[in-house]
């Protein structure tokens, strides 16, 4: 009988498992970033509810590399993200893709 090591993120509400530790760590970091960003947004934007703050946090976490590029002086990369209809996601689609 073969033994397979499985990894999972303790932040993942879906409790998905991975055979690759690097993938599990990447998901954990992404979810941690999104959660901290949600808290940041909720405390700084009056009237922003938790669900929308979470949606924004996950969206930014999904496009972290593009956001970094935009912040470094190339904001036009953000306009390329929205050109495909597949890139427009609902909160449920973002959560399920994480």
C-alpha atoms as a PDB file:
ATOM      1  CA  UNK A   1       0.000   0.000   0.000  1.00  0.00           C
ATOM      2  CA  UNK A   2       1.344   3.418  -0.975  1.00  0.00           C
ATOM      3  CA  UNK A   3       1.226   6.323   1.420  1.00  0.00           C
ATOM      4  CA  UNK A   4       0.506   9.789   0.069  1.00  0.00           C
ATOM      5  CA  UNK A   5       1.105  12.922   2.071  1.00  0.00           C
ATOM      6  CA  UNK A   6      -1.681  15.467   1.767  1.00  0.00           C
ATOM      7  CA  UNK A   7      -1.435  19.174   2.586  1.00  0.00           C
ATOM      8  CA  UNK A   8      -4.219  21.618   3.282  1.00  0.00           C
ATOM      9  CA  UNK A   9      -4.598  25.237   4.250  1.00  0.00           C
ATOM     10  CA  UNK A  10      -6.134  25.831   7.654  1.00  0.00           C
ATOM     11  CA  UNK A  11      -7.635  29.047   6.249  1.00  0.00           C
ATOM     12  CA  UNK A  12      -9.519  27.285   3.443  1.00  0.00           C
ATOM     13  CA  UNK A  13     -13.218  26.920   4.334  1.00  0.00           C
ATOM     14  CA  UNK A  14     -13.544  24.182   1.704  1.00  0.00           C
ATOM     15  CA  UNK A  15     -10.685  22.184   3.272  1.00  0.00           C
ATOM     16  CA  UNK A  16      -9.208  21.217  -0.096  1.00  0.00           C
ATOM     17  CA  UNK A  17      -6.179  18.953  -0.013  1.00  0.00           C
ATOM     18  CA  UNK A  18      -3.040  19.085  -2.130  1.00  0.00           C
ATOM     19  CA  UNK A  19      -0.294  16.571  -2.774  1.00  0.00           C
ATOM     20  CA  UNK A  20       2.117  19.453  -3.357  1.00  0.00           C
ATOM     21  CA  UNK A  21       3.117  21.466  -0.275  1.00  0.00           C
ATOM     22  CA  UNK A  22       3.988  24.470  -2.447  1.00  0.00           C
ATOM     23  CA  UNK A  23       0.406  24.659  -3.786  1.00  0.00           C
ATOM     24  CA  UNK A  24      -1.068  24.445  -0.282  1.00  0.00           C
ATOM     25  CA  UNK A  25       1.312  27.146   0.967  1.00  0.00           C
ATOM     26  CA  UNK A  26       0.439  29.395  -1.986  1.00  0.00           C
ATOM     27  CA  UNK A  27      -3.279  29.060  -1.253  1.00  0.00           C
ATOM     28  CA  UNK A  28      -2.673  29.731   2.444  1.00  0.00           C
ATOM     29  CA  UNK A  29      -0.696  32.897   1.676  1.00  0.00           C
ATOM     30  CA  UNK A  30      -3.348  34.089  -0.778  1.00  0.00           C
ATOM     31  CA  UNK A  31      -6.168  33.540   1.718  1.00  0.00           C
ATOM     32  CA  UNK A  32      -4.190  35.212   4.502  1.00  0.00           C
ATOM     33  CA  UNK A  33      -3.528  38.242   2.303  1.00  0.00           C
ATOM     34  CA  UNK A  34      -7.189  38.427   1.263  1.00  0.00           C
ATOM     35  CA  UNK A  35      -8.363  38.227   4.887  1.00  0.00           C
ATOM     36  CA  UNK A  36      -5.990  40.955   6.048  1.00  0.00           C
ATOM     37  CA  UNK A  37      -6.988  43.121   3.100  1.00  0.00           C
ATOM     38  CA  UNK A  38     -10.669  42.575   3.963  1.00  0.00           C
ATOM     39  CA  UNK A  39     -10.076  43.808   7.510  1.00  0.00           C
ATOM     40  CA  UNK A  40      -8.085  46.786   6.192  1.00  0.00           C
ATOM     41  CA  UNK A  41     -10.859  47.754   3.771  1.00  0.00           C
ATOM     42  CA  UNK A  42     -13.650  47.350   6.314  1.00  0.00           C
ATOM     43  CA  UNK A  43     -11.913  49.639   8.788  1.00  0.00           C
ATOM     44  CA  UNK A  44     -11.154  52.323   6.232  1.00  0.00           C
ATOM     45  CA  UNK A  45     -14.225  52.442   3.997  1.00  0.00           C
ATOM     46  CA  UNK A  46     -17.370  53.467   5.843  1.00  0.00           C
ATOM     47  CA  UNK A  47     -20.384  51.387   4.828  1.00  0.00           C
ATOM     48  CA  UNK A  48     -18.445  48.578   3.129  1.00  0.00           C
ATOM     49  CA  UNK A  49     -19.960  45.303   4.246  1.00  0.00           C
ATOM     50  CA  UNK A  50     -17.912  42.224   5.073  1.00  0.00           C
ATOM     51  CA  UNK A  51     -19.000  40.290   1.979  1.00  0.00           C
ATOM     52  CA  UNK A  52     -17.981  43.041  -0.464  1.00  0.00           C
ATOM     53  CA  UNK A  53     -14.717  43.619   1.417  1.00  0.00           C
ATOM     54  CA  UNK A  54     -13.998  39.884   1.165  1.00  0.00           C
ATOM     55  CA  UNK A  55     -14.820  39.914  -2.556  1.00  0.00           C
ATOM     56  CA  UNK A  56     -12.432  42.819  -3.141  1.00  0.00           C
ATOM     57  CA  UNK A  57      -9.721  41.171  -1.037  1.00  0.00           C
ATOM     58  CA  UNK A  58      -9.957  37.904  -2.981  1.00  0.00           C
ATOM     59  CA  UNK A  59     -10.021  39.754  -6.304  1.00  0.00           C
ATOM     60  CA  UNK A  60      -6.866  41.684  -5.488  1.00  0.00           C
ATOM     61  CA  UNK A  61      -5.215  38.503  -4.186  1.00  0.00           C
ATOM     62  CA  UNK A  62      -6.103  36.717  -7.461  1.00  0.00           C
ATOM     63  CA  UNK A  63      -4.497  39.509  -9.500  1.00  0.00           C
ATOM     64  CA  UNK A  64      -1.645  40.302  -7.112  1.00  0.00           C
ATOM     65  CA  UNK A  65       1.057  40.320  -9.796  1.00  0.00           C
ATOM     66  CA  UNK A  66      -0.924  42.674 -12.027  1.00  0.00           C
ATOM     67  CA  UNK A  67      -1.635  44.948  -9.056  1.00  0.00           C
ATOM     68  CA  UNK A  68       2.064  45.115  -8.196  1.00  0.00           C
ATOM     69  CA  UNK A  69       2.907  45.985 -11.810  1.00  0.00           C
ATOM     70  CA  UNK A  70       0.232  48.710 -11.814  1.00  0.00           C
ATOM     71  CA  UNK A  71       1.520  50.161  -8.545  1.00  0.00           C
ATOM     72  CA  UNK A  72       5.036  50.266  -9.997  1.00  0.00           C
ATOM     73  CA  UNK A  73       3.902  52.699 -12.687  1.00  0.00           C
ATOM     74  CA  UNK A  74       2.120  50.628 -15.329  1.00  0.00           C
ATOM     75  CA  UNK A  75      -1.576  50.996 -14.459  1.00  0.00           C
ATOM     76  CA  UNK A  76      -2.622  50.042 -17.989  1.00  0.00           C
ATOM     77  CA  UNK A  77      -2.167  46.353 -17.089  1.00  0.00           C
ATOM     78  CA  UNK A  78      -5.365  46.615 -15.054  1.00  0.00           C
ATOM     79  CA  UNK A  79      -7.416  47.580 -18.107  1.00  0.00           C
ATOM     80  CA  UNK A  80      -6.319  44.377 -19.841  1.00  0.00           C
ATOM     81  CA  UNK A  81      -7.695  42.235 -16.995  1.00  0.00           C
ATOM     82  CA  UNK A  82     -11.319  43.247 -17.571  1.00  0.00           C
ATOM     83  CA  UNK A  83     -11.355  42.858 -21.361  1.00  0.00           C
ATOM     84  CA  UNK A  84     -12.336  39.190 -21.256  1.00  0.00           C
ATOM     85  CA  UNK A  85     -15.787  38.388 -19.905  1.00  0.00           C
ATOM     86  CA  UNK A  86     -14.324  35.340 -18.128  1.00  0.00           C
ATOM     87  CA  UNK A  87     -12.464  37.718 -15.820  1.00  0.00           C
ATOM     88  CA  UNK A  88     -15.664  39.141 -14.329  1.00  0.00           C
ATOM     89  CA  UNK A  89     -16.446  36.949 -11.347  1.00  0.00           C
ATOM     90  CA  UNK A  90     -19.113  36.817  -8.708  1.00  0.00           C
ATOM     91  CA  UNK A  91     -18.133  36.442  -5.063  1.00  0.00           C
ATOM     92  CA  UNK A  92     -19.029  32.720  -5.223  1.00  0.00           C
ATOM     93  CA  UNK A  93     -16.859  32.171  -8.293  1.00  0.00           C
ATOM     94  CA  UNK A  94     -13.921  33.910  -6.618  1.00  0.00           C
ATOM     95  CA  UNK A  95     -14.307  31.830  -3.445  1.00  0.00           C
ATOM     96  CA  UNK A  96     -14.586  28.588  -5.404  1.00  0.00           C
ATOM     97  CA  UNK A  97     -11.539  29.396  -7.519  1.00  0.00           C
ATOM     98  CA  UNK A  98      -9.362  30.052  -4.485  1.00  0.00           C
END
